[in-house]
């Protein structure tokens, strides 16, 4: 994206849909535990990211 430094991939994980769902469930459970003992996690403002990735095509 213009004006944003390019991120470098450090590592990747490949999951089956079943394992991805189990990971999602485990993370949600851990977040609930954290919030129960430390308070609600605030998300902050969503940055205004343009969704146009370059010039538009012409038909």
C-alpha atoms as a PDB file:
ATOM      1  CA  UNK A   1       0.000   0.000   0.000  1.00  0.00           C
ATOM      2  CA  UNK A   2       1.314   3.481  -0.756  1.00  0.00           C
ATOM      3  CA  UNK A   3       2.991   5.244   2.144  1.00  0.00           C
ATOM      4  CA  UNK A   4       3.127   2.141   4.337  1.00  0.00           C
ATOM      5  CA  UNK A   5       6.413   0.295   4.875  1.00  0.00           C
ATOM      6  CA  UNK A   6       6.361  -3.193   3.396  1.00  0.00           C
ATOM      7  CA  UNK A   7       6.130  -5.896   6.037  1.00  0.00           C
ATOM      8  CA  UNK A   8       8.447  -8.888   5.855  1.00  0.00           C
ATOM      9  CA  UNK A   9       7.114 -12.378   6.487  1.00  0.00           C
ATOM     10  CA  UNK A  10       9.041 -13.980   9.349  1.00  0.00           C
ATOM     11  CA  UNK A  11       7.245 -17.321   9.375  1.00  0.00           C
ATOM     12  CA  UNK A  12       4.067 -18.960   8.174  1.00  0.00           C
ATOM     13  CA  UNK A  13       1.831 -21.673   9.500  1.00  0.00           C
ATOM     14  CA  UNK A  14      -0.332 -23.965   7.427  1.00  0.00           C
ATOM     15  CA  UNK A  15      -3.423 -25.378   9.089  1.00  0.00           C
ATOM     16  CA  UNK A  16      -6.262 -27.587   8.032  1.00  0.00           C
ATOM     17  CA  UNK A  17      -9.685 -25.980   8.450  1.00  0.00           C
ATOM     18  CA  UNK A  18     -10.310 -28.256  11.451  1.00  0.00           C
ATOM     19  CA  UNK A  19      -7.098 -27.181  13.193  1.00  0.00           C
ATOM     20  CA  UNK A  20      -7.747 -23.522  12.367  1.00  0.00           C
ATOM     21  CA  UNK A  21     -11.149 -23.773  14.044  1.00  0.00           C
ATOM     22  CA  UNK A  22      -9.592 -25.429  17.113  1.00  0.00           C
ATOM     23  CA  UNK A  23      -6.975 -22.658  17.288  1.00  0.00           C
ATOM     24  CA  UNK A  24      -9.709 -20.009  17.038  1.00  0.00           C
ATOM     25  CA  UNK A  25     -11.648 -21.664  19.854  1.00  0.00           C
ATOM     26  CA  UNK A  26      -8.534 -21.922  22.067  1.00  0.00           C
ATOM     27  CA  UNK A  27      -7.633 -18.271  21.477  1.00  0.00           C
ATOM     28  CA  UNK A  28     -11.199 -17.118  22.243  1.00  0.00           C
ATOM     29  CA  UNK A  29     -11.164 -19.134  25.463  1.00  0.00           C
ATOM     30  CA  UNK A  30      -7.819 -17.643  26.515  1.00  0.00           C
ATOM     31  CA  UNK A  31      -9.040 -14.110  25.773  1.00  0.00           C
ATOM     32  CA  UNK A  32     -12.128 -14.718  27.925  1.00  0.00           C
ATOM     33  CA  UNK A  33      -9.925 -15.907  30.796  1.00  0.00           C
ATOM     34  CA  UNK A  34      -7.627 -12.890  30.435  1.00  0.00           C
ATOM     35  CA  UNK A  35     -10.534 -10.434  30.386  1.00  0.00           C
ATOM     36  CA  UNK A  36     -12.117 -12.117  33.398  1.00  0.00           C
ATOM     37  CA  UNK A  37      -9.001 -11.474  35.475  1.00  0.00           C
ATOM     38  CA  UNK A  38      -7.649  -8.239  33.933  1.00  0.00           C
ATOM     39  CA  UNK A  39     -10.665  -6.421  32.482  1.00  0.00           C
ATOM     40  CA  UNK A  40     -11.965  -5.911  28.978  1.00  0.00           C
ATOM     41  CA  UNK A  41      -9.466  -5.471  26.151  1.00  0.00           C
ATOM     42  CA  UNK A  42     -10.270  -2.345  24.142  1.00  0.00           C
ATOM     43  CA  UNK A  43      -9.750  -2.511  20.395  1.00  0.00           C
ATOM     44  CA  UNK A  44      -8.933   1.142  19.749  1.00  0.00           C
ATOM     45  CA  UNK A  45      -9.654   3.023  16.565  1.00  0.00           C
ATOM     46  CA  UNK A  46      -9.727   1.284  13.218  1.00  0.00           C
ATOM     47  CA  UNK A  47      -7.253   2.910  10.818  1.00  0.00           C
ATOM     48  CA  UNK A  48      -8.698   4.350   7.624  1.00  0.00           C
ATOM     49  CA  UNK A  49      -7.123   2.033   5.047  1.00  0.00           C
ATOM     50  CA  UNK A  50      -7.948   2.677   1.392  1.00  0.00           C
ATOM     51  CA  UNK A  51      -9.181  -0.407  -0.422  1.00  0.00           C
ATOM     52  CA  UNK A  52      -8.005   0.578  -3.882  1.00  0.00           C
ATOM     53  CA  UNK A  53      -4.808  -1.309  -4.672  1.00  0.00           C
ATOM     54  CA  UNK A  54      -3.529   0.598  -7.678  1.00  0.00           C
ATOM     55  CA  UNK A  55      -5.098   1.996 -10.812  1.00  0.00           C
ATOM     56  CA  UNK A  56      -8.600   0.916 -11.732  1.00  0.00           C
ATOM     57  CA  UNK A  57      -9.033  -1.172 -14.859  1.00  0.00           C
ATOM     58  CA  UNK A  58     -10.967  -0.103 -17.889  1.00  0.00           C
ATOM     59  CA  UNK A  59     -13.384  -2.306 -19.781  1.00  0.00           C
END
